[in-house]
Each structure stands twice: as C-alpha cells, then as structure tokens.
Amino acid sequence: MNTAQAFPEATILMPCLNEAETLAGCIAAAKAGLAAAKVEGEILVADNGSIDGSQAIATAHGARVVEVPARGYGNALRAGMQAASGRYLIMGDADLSYDFSQIAPFMEKLRSGSDLVMGCRMPAGGGCIEAGAMPWKHRWIGNPVLTFIGRILFKCPCHDFHCGLRALTREAFLKLDLRTSGMEFASEMVIKASLRNLKVGEVPITLHKDGRSRPPHLRSWRDGWRHLRFMLLFSPRWLLLYPGILATIIGGTFFLRLLAAPIRIGTINFDLNTLEIAGLVFLFGYQMILFACFARIFAFTRGFLPAKHILARAFGFFTLEKGLVCGALVLLAGFLVILSALFGWASTGFGNLDPLDTTRTVIAGRTLASIGLQTILFSLIFSYLGIDDKSRQA
C-alpha cells in the first residue's frame, strides 16, 4: 500500500442507521465526486446499529464501515471522524438528499485555507431546495429562526446552521473537541468554530428529496428544541446575563428609591409592598447574573470555550479569598442594618412598632444579607469549578 492510499487526502463520511435503500447510491455518488475533484480519498460509513443489512451493502460497494454502538447522530459522526484517515473530512446524510458527486467546491475551500465549510441549502446563501425536499416548517420556521439566532449569538457567517453536508480539516476537528451525542452536534460544530475564530466558509448546494420510504430519524419539535436549548446554554449572556442585568437595574432603582420614601403618582401610592417586589426583582436579577457566570465557568473548564477566553484571566484575578471578603462585608452590613431595627424594637420594650418606621430597615438588611450570602456561595463554587483549570495551568 502506498502513502497516498494509506493516508488519503479526504474522507467522505456517512452516518448510517438503516439506510439500505439509499446507501449504495450515496457511495456511488461519493466515488464520482472524488474522481471529479481529482481527490485520493476513502468512503467511510459510521453505522449506528443498522438491522437492514446496510453494513454489507457499504462493504460490497467499496466503503469502509466502522461500528458505533452508542446511538445518536453526534456519536456516529464523532466516531466516524476519529476513525477517518483523510486530512479533510466531508460528511453528509446517507439518504440521497445530498449529492456527494458535487464535493469539488468543498475541497477548493478546504485547500484554500478554510477550517470548516458549510453547505447552504437556503436561498439566502445561494442554495436551492427542490420541491418536497424539506417540510415547510423546517424551511420557513425551523432553519431560518435557528440560523438567525445562531448568527446573532455567535456572529457566525453561515446562512444554514444545520445543513448536514459540511466539511472540515482534521486539525479543526481536533481543536473543536466535540462532545454532544444527538442532533445538536451540528450546532456544536458551528458554534465552537465561531468561538475559536476558525475560518468558516460556505458552499451553496441543492437539497434533494430523500430516497427513503420510511420516515426520517429527525423529530422536528424535539430536535429543534435541542438545538435552541444548546444555543442558549452556550450563550448564557442572552439567556441569563442580559435579562439579569436588566432586572438588577430596574429592581435596584425602584428598591433604592422606595427605601427613601413612598412614590405617589396621582392617586396611586407605591410603598412597602412595591418595595418588597422591587427587592425580589433585584435579587432575581443578581441570581441570574451569578448563574450566567456559573454557565460560562462550566463551559470554559469543560473545554467548550477557548483557553484564551476572558474567564482564563478571571481565574487569575478573582480568588476565593477576595470573594469571601466581599460577601462577608455585605453580609455583615445586612446584619448590622437588621440589628439596628432590633435595637429600635428593644427601645420600645419589644412592644408594637409602626410598620412604616421599621419595615424598610428590615427589608434593606434582609436584602443585603441575601446578597452577601449568595456572593460567598458563588465564590466557593467559582473556586471549586476553577480547580481543574488551575491545575492544568500549573
């Protein structure tokens, strides 16, 4: 075996689960695509437990088969990419919806320096969808909405976030450290490529009606939610941080104003009950900010965010001791405010008090004590989550 055969330039990878009807046609198209692009390559089928003879069909038509026991689209693709021999990895579904004979533009992009090349089925990116090839809810709702959200949250240039025909370099695959097991694997790949500032290219393609007689594995609402959930969890700024900041500002503004005196607008009087609600909104906002930090810390320490992320500097600046001191001071301030209310009560012989004289003080002390305690707990968890990262940097 010569070097070119042992280490082909490209691997065409097809995840497979009971694709006996269409697999042979996909392999034939892949062979034609390699020949047309003048690429020395291999065809690899990542079988996810087929029971219809797909493995034998793949082998008979010259493809290499790797068995992937763990079910899931992401598991199949990740195992296939790990087993691939090519420098470039081109992947697509084995249902005849993608034309593997048209891989030449993908190879051109990869050879010219792109790390990830996405196919684009949507007209916004120059793509084409044949009649009946995509359900209306995917074409007009699911894909446009999820792609729009992805472009906003992650500044990704792609016009089709979830196109199944895509290609990347082996080096990019190793850098991305892909983890998810299901359909959200498609989102993870694009999101991580954007976060790591990889060069992302796009190729317009035509989506064909698939050749299967059975229903697709994709479940529209379930898998759509998984994609959306993954995007939001990967960008806690929009899910938690920005709403938390807004709630903190609004709640804090009303809280401080109502601590001084009631607000009267015409015949409407905002007083103690409104103060309670404003304090609750402020605390909710503060908690959302802390949870946004937790989400980012978890993503960073687990490799979802690049090592040069701002959190890498945060671990060097923020220490457990600093957080404990800040939290303890705020907690102490809260206790002192509550203690002042207690002294006021004692001055009356622990008798009845006018709520208007003491309730504001108690609410202020309670709110400060809550913020202080949450800050202490956040500091402990922040430090705990950062242990693994600091040990790697040592």
Protein backbone atom coordinates (compact mmCIF):
# COMPACT_ATOMS: atom_id res chain seq x y z
CA MET A 1 0.00 0.00 0.00
CA ASN A 2 1.46 3.36 -1.00
CA THR A 3 1.37 6.51 1.15
CA ALA A 4 -1.50 8.12 -0.78
CA GLN A 5 -3.66 5.05 -0.23
CA ALA A 6 -2.73 4.74 3.45
CA PHE A 7 -3.32 8.43 4.14
CA PRO A 8 -5.92 9.72 1.64
CA GLU A 9 -6.45 13.42 1.22
CA ALA A 10 -10.15 13.22 2.05
CA THR A 11 -12.63 11.00 3.83
CA ILE A 12 -16.29 11.13 2.87
CA LEU A 13 -18.20 10.17 6.00
CA MET A 14 -21.80 9.00 6.11
CA PRO A 15 -23.63 8.34 9.38
CA CYS A 16 -25.93 5.39 8.84
CA LEU A 17 -28.93 3.86 10.61
CA ASN A 18 -30.95 1.53 8.37
CA GLU A 19 -30.17 3.23 5.05
CA ALA A 20 -30.23 0.10 2.85
CA GLU A 21 -32.50 1.80 0.28
CA THR A 22 -30.18 4.70 -0.44
CA LEU A 23 -26.68 3.82 0.77
CA ALA A 24 -25.43 2.29 -2.48
CA GLY A 25 -26.47 5.39 -4.43
CA CYS A 26 -24.70 7.68 -1.96
CA ILE A 27 -21.50 5.64 -2.19
CA ALA A 28 -21.62 5.70 -5.99
CA ALA A 29 -22.08 9.49 -5.94
CA ALA A 30 -19.20 9.85 -3.48
CA LYS A 31 -16.90 7.86 -5.77
CA ALA A 32 -17.91 10.09 -8.67
CA GLY A 33 -17.30 13.18 -6.56
CA LEU A 34 -13.80 12.07 -5.57
CA ALA A 35 -12.97 11.33 -9.19
CA ALA A 36 -14.36 14.63 -10.46
CA ALA A 37 -12.43 16.60 -7.84
CA LYS A 38 -9.28 14.55 -8.51
CA VAL A 39 -9.07 13.60 -4.85
CA GLU A 40 -7.44 10.50 -3.43
CA GLY A 41 -9.99 9.56 -0.83
CA GLU A 42 -11.91 6.96 1.11
CA ILE A 43 -15.59 6.45 1.85
CA LEU A 44 -16.41 5.67 5.46
CA VAL A 45 -19.79 4.58 6.81
CA ALA A 46 -20.33 5.10 10.55
CA ASP A 47 -23.03 2.56 11.25
CA ASN A 48 -25.17 3.25 14.31
CA GLY A 49 -26.71 -0.20 14.71
CA SER A 50 -28.45 -0.88 11.40
CA ILE A 51 -30.55 -4.05 11.18
CA ASP A 52 -31.40 -3.85 7.49
CA GLY A 53 -28.09 -5.01 6.03
CA SER A 54 -26.63 -1.53 5.49
CA GLN A 55 -23.20 -2.71 6.64
CA ALA A 56 -22.99 -5.42 4.00
CA ILE A 57 -24.16 -3.02 1.29
CA ALA A 58 -21.50 -0.49 2.26
CA THR A 59 -18.74 -3.11 2.22
CA ALA A 60 -19.91 -4.57 -1.09
CA HIS A 61 -19.70 -1.14 -2.72
CA GLY A 62 -16.19 -0.42 -1.52
CA ALA A 63 -16.81 1.65 1.60
CA ARG A 64 -15.15 1.08 4.94
CA VAL A 65 -17.51 0.50 7.85
CA VAL A 66 -16.95 1.48 11.47
CA GLU A 67 -19.44 0.21 14.03
CA VAL A 68 -20.72 2.81 16.51
CA PRO A 69 -22.67 1.14 19.34
CA ALA A 70 -23.63 4.40 21.10
CA ARG A 71 -26.78 5.68 19.44
CA GLY A 72 -27.08 9.25 18.25
CA TYR A 73 -26.22 11.44 15.27
CA GLY A 74 -23.37 13.11 17.15
CA ASN A 75 -21.96 9.81 18.39
CA ALA A 76 -21.94 8.37 14.87
CA LEU A 77 -20.23 11.37 13.30
CA ARG A 78 -17.68 11.81 16.07
CA ALA A 79 -16.69 8.13 15.98
CA GLY A 80 -16.51 8.27 12.20
CA MET A 81 -14.25 11.32 12.25
CA GLN A 82 -12.00 9.67 14.82
CA ALA A 83 -11.68 6.60 12.58
CA ALA A 84 -11.20 8.59 9.35
CA SER A 85 -7.82 8.57 7.62
CA GLY A 86 -8.21 11.66 5.47
CA ARG A 87 -6.74 15.10 6.05
CA TYR A 88 -10.11 16.56 5.09
CA LEU A 89 -13.41 15.21 6.41
CA ILE A 90 -16.56 15.61 4.32
CA MET A 91 -19.81 14.43 5.87
CA GLY A 92 -23.39 14.11 4.80
CA ASP A 93 -26.52 12.02 5.35
CA ALA A 94 -26.80 8.71 3.51
CA ASP A 95 -30.36 9.28 2.26
CA LEU A 96 -29.68 10.79 -1.20
CA SER A 97 -30.75 14.25 -0.05
CA TYR A 98 -27.18 15.48 -0.59
CA ASP A 99 -25.27 14.99 -3.82
CA PHE A 100 -21.81 13.70 -2.93
CA SER A 101 -20.75 13.97 -6.55
CA GLN A 102 -20.59 17.75 -6.04
CA ILE A 103 -17.84 17.88 -3.40
CA ALA A 104 -15.34 19.80 -5.56
CA PRO A 105 -16.32 23.26 -4.16
CA PHE A 106 -15.85 21.94 -0.62
CA MET A 107 -12.39 20.68 -1.48
CA GLU A 108 -11.48 24.01 -3.08
CA LYS A 109 -12.49 25.89 0.08
CA LEU A 110 -10.57 23.50 2.33
CA ARG A 111 -7.46 23.61 0.16
CA SER A 112 -7.59 27.42 0.14
CA GLY A 113 -7.46 27.60 3.92
CA SER A 114 -10.99 27.20 5.32
CA ASP A 115 -11.19 25.19 8.54
CA LEU A 116 -14.91 24.45 8.26
CA VAL A 117 -17.01 24.58 5.10
CA MET A 118 -20.78 24.55 5.46
CA GLY A 119 -23.19 23.61 2.74
CA CYS A 120 -26.07 26.06 2.34
CA ARG A 121 -29.49 24.86 1.23
CA MET A 122 -31.26 28.15 1.90
CA PRO A 123 -31.84 30.72 -0.87
CA ALA A 124 -30.40 33.44 1.42
CA GLY A 125 -26.99 31.84 0.93
CA GLY A 126 -27.45 30.90 -2.72
CA GLY A 127 -28.75 27.39 -2.07
CA CYS A 128 -31.73 25.60 -3.56
CA ILE A 129 -34.39 23.31 -2.10
CA GLU A 130 -36.19 21.00 -4.50
CA ALA A 131 -39.95 20.66 -4.21
CA GLY A 132 -40.82 18.28 -1.39
CA ALA A 133 -37.25 18.06 -0.14
CA MET A 134 -37.84 19.94 3.11
CA PRO A 135 -41.02 20.20 5.24
CA TRP A 136 -42.50 23.69 5.23
CA LYS A 137 -41.99 24.13 8.98
CA HIS A 138 -38.27 23.43 8.56
CA ARG A 139 -37.91 25.69 5.53
CA TRP A 140 -39.86 28.68 6.78
CA ILE A 141 -39.65 28.39 10.57
CA GLY A 142 -37.08 26.00 12.00
CA ASN A 143 -33.98 26.60 9.89
CA PRO A 144 -34.39 30.37 9.36
CA VAL A 145 -35.15 31.03 13.03
CA LEU A 146 -32.37 28.85 14.44
CA THR A 147 -29.88 30.18 11.89
CA PHE A 148 -30.85 33.78 12.70
CA ILE A 149 -30.37 33.12 16.42
CA GLY A 150 -27.03 31.44 15.77
CA ARG A 151 -25.79 34.32 13.63
CA ILE A 152 -26.80 36.84 16.31
CA LEU A 153 -25.45 34.94 19.32
CA PHE A 154 -22.19 33.69 17.80
CA LYS A 155 -21.54 36.04 14.86
CA CYS A 156 -21.32 33.06 12.53
CA PRO A 157 -21.39 33.92 8.80
CA CYS A 158 -23.35 30.80 7.79
CA HIS A 159 -26.81 31.11 6.28
CA ASP A 160 -27.75 27.49 7.05
CA PHE A 161 -26.73 26.45 10.55
CA HIS A 162 -27.99 22.88 10.23
CA CYS A 163 -27.05 21.73 6.78
CA GLY A 164 -25.94 18.11 7.02
CA LEU A 165 -23.43 18.39 4.17
CA ARG A 166 -20.29 20.01 5.55
CA ALA A 167 -16.53 19.57 5.62
CA LEU A 168 -13.66 20.38 7.93
CA THR A 169 -9.98 19.70 8.34
CA ARG A 170 -8.72 17.04 10.72
CA GLU A 171 -6.91 19.77 12.66
CA ALA A 172 -10.19 21.66 13.09
CA PHE A 173 -11.93 18.51 14.31
CA LEU A 174 -9.28 18.03 16.98
CA LYS A 175 -9.47 21.70 18.03
CA LEU A 176 -13.24 21.66 18.34
CA ASP A 177 -13.28 18.80 20.88
CA LEU A 178 -16.89 17.95 20.01
CA ARG A 179 -18.92 16.40 22.84
CA THR A 180 -22.66 16.20 22.12
CA SER A 181 -24.31 12.93 21.12
CA GLY A 182 -27.51 13.93 19.32
CA MET A 183 -28.69 16.25 16.58
CA GLU A 184 -27.30 19.29 18.44
CA PHE A 185 -23.88 18.05 17.30
CA ALA A 186 -24.49 20.08 14.13
CA SER A 187 -24.90 23.27 16.17
CA GLU A 188 -21.96 22.48 18.42
CA MET A 189 -19.61 22.23 15.45
CA VAL A 190 -20.56 25.65 14.05
CA ILE A 191 -20.71 27.37 17.44
CA LYS A 192 -17.31 26.14 18.55
CA ALA A 193 -15.76 27.01 15.20
CA SER A 194 -17.06 30.57 15.61
CA LEU A 195 -15.92 30.85 19.24
CA ARG A 196 -12.44 29.62 18.33
CA ASN A 197 -12.21 32.05 15.41
CA LEU A 198 -11.74 29.30 12.85
CA LYS A 199 -12.12 30.24 9.21
CA VAL A 200 -15.64 29.24 8.17
CA GLY A 201 -16.59 29.01 4.50
CA GLU A 202 -19.90 28.32 2.78
CA VAL A 203 -20.88 26.50 -0.42
CA PRO A 204 -24.37 26.79 -1.98
CA ILE A 205 -25.89 23.35 -2.59
CA THR A 206 -29.13 21.80 -3.74
CA LEU A 207 -31.19 19.76 -1.29
CA HIS A 208 -32.88 16.83 -2.99
CA LYS A 209 -35.87 14.84 -1.85
CA ASP A 210 -34.52 11.87 0.07
CA GLY A 211 -34.93 8.38 -1.37
CA ARG A 212 -36.24 6.59 1.71
CA SER A 213 -39.67 5.05 2.03
CA ARG A 214 -39.58 5.25 5.84
CA PRO A 215 -39.95 8.44 7.90
CA PRO A 216 -36.73 10.37 8.69
CA HIS A 217 -34.99 9.98 12.04
CA LEU A 218 -35.33 13.73 12.64
CA ARG A 219 -38.11 14.78 15.03
CA SER A 220 -38.92 18.38 14.21
CA TRP A 221 -40.01 19.89 17.51
CA ARG A 222 -37.88 17.70 19.78
CA ASP A 223 -34.68 18.18 17.79
CA GLY A 224 -35.43 21.84 17.12
CA TRP A 225 -35.76 22.43 20.86
CA ARG A 226 -32.49 20.57 21.47
CA HIS A 227 -30.72 22.88 19.02
CA LEU A 228 -32.26 26.00 20.55
CA ARG A 229 -31.54 24.82 24.10
CA PHE A 230 -27.93 24.13 23.20
CA MET A 231 -27.51 27.58 21.64
CA LEU A 232 -28.97 29.35 24.65
CA LEU A 233 -26.94 27.32 27.13
CA PHE A 234 -23.86 28.07 25.09
CA SER A 235 -24.66 31.77 25.19
CA PRO A 236 -25.85 32.48 28.76
CA ARG A 237 -25.41 36.18 28.07
CA TRP A 238 -28.77 36.27 26.28
CA LEU A 239 -30.49 33.64 28.42
CA LEU A 240 -29.32 34.86 31.83
CA LEU A 241 -26.79 37.69 31.90
CA TYR A 242 -28.58 40.45 29.94
CA PRO A 243 -32.01 39.74 31.48
CA GLY A 244 -30.30 39.56 34.89
CA ILE A 245 -28.58 42.91 34.40
CA LEU A 246 -31.87 44.47 33.29
CA ALA A 247 -33.74 43.04 36.30
CA THR A 248 -30.98 44.18 38.65
CA ILE A 249 -31.03 47.73 37.30
CA ILE A 250 -34.82 48.06 37.29
CA GLY A 251 -35.33 46.33 40.63
CA GLY A 252 -32.40 48.12 42.25
CA THR A 253 -33.53 51.55 41.06
CA PHE A 254 -37.04 51.15 42.45
CA PHE A 255 -35.69 49.49 45.59
CA LEU A 256 -33.34 52.36 46.46
CA ARG A 257 -35.96 54.97 45.65
CA LEU A 258 -38.64 53.30 47.76
CA LEU A 259 -36.25 52.84 50.66
CA ALA A 260 -36.13 56.62 50.99
CA ALA A 261 -39.86 57.26 50.79
CA PRO A 262 -43.05 56.09 49.08
CA ILE A 263 -43.75 57.14 45.50
CA ARG A 264 -47.08 58.75 44.73
CA ILE A 265 -48.27 59.15 41.15
CA GLY A 266 -51.69 60.75 41.07
CA THR A 267 -53.95 58.58 43.20
CA ILE A 268 -51.56 55.59 43.08
CA ASN A 269 -49.23 55.08 46.04
CA PHE A 270 -46.18 52.79 45.78
CA ASP A 271 -44.96 51.82 49.22
CA LEU A 272 -43.94 48.75 51.23
CA ASN A 273 -45.49 46.07 49.02
CA THR A 274 -43.84 47.59 45.95
CA LEU A 275 -40.56 47.77 47.88
CA GLU A 276 -40.81 44.03 48.58
CA ILE A 277 -41.41 43.27 44.90
CA ALA A 278 -38.58 45.57 43.80
CA GLY A 279 -36.21 43.82 46.21
CA LEU A 280 -37.32 40.44 44.86
CA VAL A 281 -36.72 41.55 41.26
CA PHE A 282 -33.27 42.83 42.26
CA LEU A 283 -32.39 39.51 43.91
CA PHE A 284 -33.68 37.53 40.93
CA GLY A 285 -31.53 39.64 38.64
CA TYR A 286 -28.46 39.16 40.82
CA GLN A 287 -29.04 35.39 40.89
CA MET A 288 -29.39 35.29 37.10
CA ILE A 289 -26.06 37.09 36.73
CA LEU A 290 -24.42 34.57 39.06
CA PHE A 291 -25.93 31.64 37.16
CA ALA A 292 -24.71 33.15 33.89
CA CYS A 293 -21.23 33.16 35.40
CA PHE A 294 -21.66 29.54 36.50
CA ALA A 295 -22.68 28.51 32.98
CA ARG A 296 -19.68 30.27 31.44
CA ILE A 297 -17.32 28.79 34.01
CA PHE A 298 -18.64 25.29 33.39
CA ALA A 299 -18.33 25.72 29.62
CA PHE A 300 -14.78 27.07 29.99
CA THR A 301 -13.50 24.39 32.37
CA ARG A 302 -15.06 21.62 30.25
CA GLY A 303 -13.40 22.82 27.05
CA PHE A 304 -16.46 24.34 25.35
CA LEU A 305 -14.82 27.77 25.36
CA PRO A 306 -11.29 28.51 24.07
CA ALA A 307 -8.39 28.71 26.53
CA LYS A 308 -7.87 32.40 25.73
CA HIS A 309 -11.37 33.29 26.88
CA ILE A 310 -11.77 36.15 29.35
CA LEU A 311 -12.56 33.59 32.07
CA ALA A 312 -8.95 32.40 31.88
CA ARG A 313 -7.93 35.86 33.13
CA ALA A 314 -10.79 35.88 35.64
CA PHE A 315 -9.39 32.78 37.34
CA GLY A 316 -6.09 34.60 37.71
CA PHE A 317 -7.68 37.77 39.13
CA PHE A 318 -10.61 36.53 41.17
CA THR A 319 -9.71 34.42 44.21
CA LEU A 320 -11.79 32.63 46.78
CA GLU A 321 -10.44 34.94 49.47
CA LYS A 322 -11.49 38.10 47.61
CA GLY A 323 -14.98 36.76 47.07
CA LEU A 324 -15.34 35.64 50.66
CA VAL A 325 -14.22 39.03 51.98
CA CYS A 326 -16.63 40.95 49.70
CA GLY A 327 -19.52 38.64 50.53
CA ALA A 328 -18.76 38.72 54.24
CA LEU A 329 -18.69 42.53 54.28
CA VAL A 330 -22.07 42.78 52.55
CA LEU A 331 -23.49 40.07 54.81
CA LEU A 332 -22.18 41.91 57.87
CA ALA A 333 -23.70 45.16 56.63
CA GLY A 334 -27.05 43.40 56.29
CA PHE A 335 -26.84 42.01 59.82
CA LEU A 336 -25.94 45.44 61.19
CA VAL A 337 -28.96 47.01 59.49
CA ILE A 338 -31.20 44.29 60.91
CA LEU A 339 -29.55 44.75 64.30
CA SER A 340 -30.38 48.46 64.21
CA ALA A 341 -34.03 47.56 63.68
CA LEU A 342 -33.78 45.15 66.61
CA PHE A 343 -32.37 47.90 68.84
CA GLY A 344 -35.26 50.13 67.80
CA TRP A 345 -37.67 47.41 68.80
CA ALA A 346 -35.86 46.95 72.12
CA SER A 347 -36.19 50.66 72.83
CA THR A 348 -39.95 50.21 72.91
CA GLY A 349 -39.73 47.29 75.32
CA PHE A 350 -40.32 44.88 72.43
CA GLY A 351 -43.82 46.18 72.06
CA ASN A 352 -45.79 47.08 68.95
CA LEU A 353 -43.97 49.08 66.26
CA ASP A 354 -45.23 51.27 63.49
CA PRO A 355 -44.54 49.20 60.31
CA LEU A 356 -43.70 52.36 58.39
CA ASP A 357 -40.83 53.07 60.81
CA THR A 358 -39.11 49.66 60.76
CA THR A 359 -40.17 47.58 57.76
CA ARG A 360 -37.96 49.49 55.32
CA THR A 361 -34.96 48.90 57.56
CA VAL A 362 -35.68 45.17 57.87
CA ILE A 363 -36.18 44.79 54.10
CA ALA A 364 -32.91 46.62 53.41
CA GLY A 365 -30.99 44.45 55.91
CA ARG A 366 -32.52 41.25 54.64
CA THR A 367 -31.66 42.12 51.03
CA LEU A 368 -28.04 42.97 51.87
CA ALA A 369 -27.67 39.76 53.89
CA SER A 370 -29.06 37.71 50.99
CA ILE A 371 -26.66 39.32 48.50
CA GLY A 372 -23.73 38.76 50.83
CA LEU A 373 -24.56 35.08 51.38
CA GLN A 374 -25.06 34.47 47.65
CA THR A 375 -21.72 36.15 46.94
CA ILE A 376 -19.98 33.86 49.44
CA LEU A 377 -21.58 30.76 47.94
CA PHE A 378 -20.75 31.93 44.41
CA SER A 379 -17.11 32.44 45.40
CA LEU A 380 -16.89 28.92 46.83
CA ILE A 381 -18.39 27.33 43.70
CA PHE A 382 -16.34 29.56 41.38
CA SER A 383 -13.16 28.48 43.13
CA TYR A 384 -14.24 24.83 43.11
CA LEU A 385 -15.02 24.85 39.38
CA GLY A 386 -11.70 26.53 38.69
CA ILE A 387 -9.59 23.89 40.50
CA ASP A 388 -9.28 21.68 37.44
CA ASP A 389 -8.37 24.58 35.14
CA LYS A 390 -5.77 25.94 37.56
CA SER A 391 -4.21 22.51 37.93
CA ARG A 392 -3.85 22.27 34.16
CA GLN A 393 -2.21 25.70 34.02
CA ALA A 394 0.26 24.87 36.82
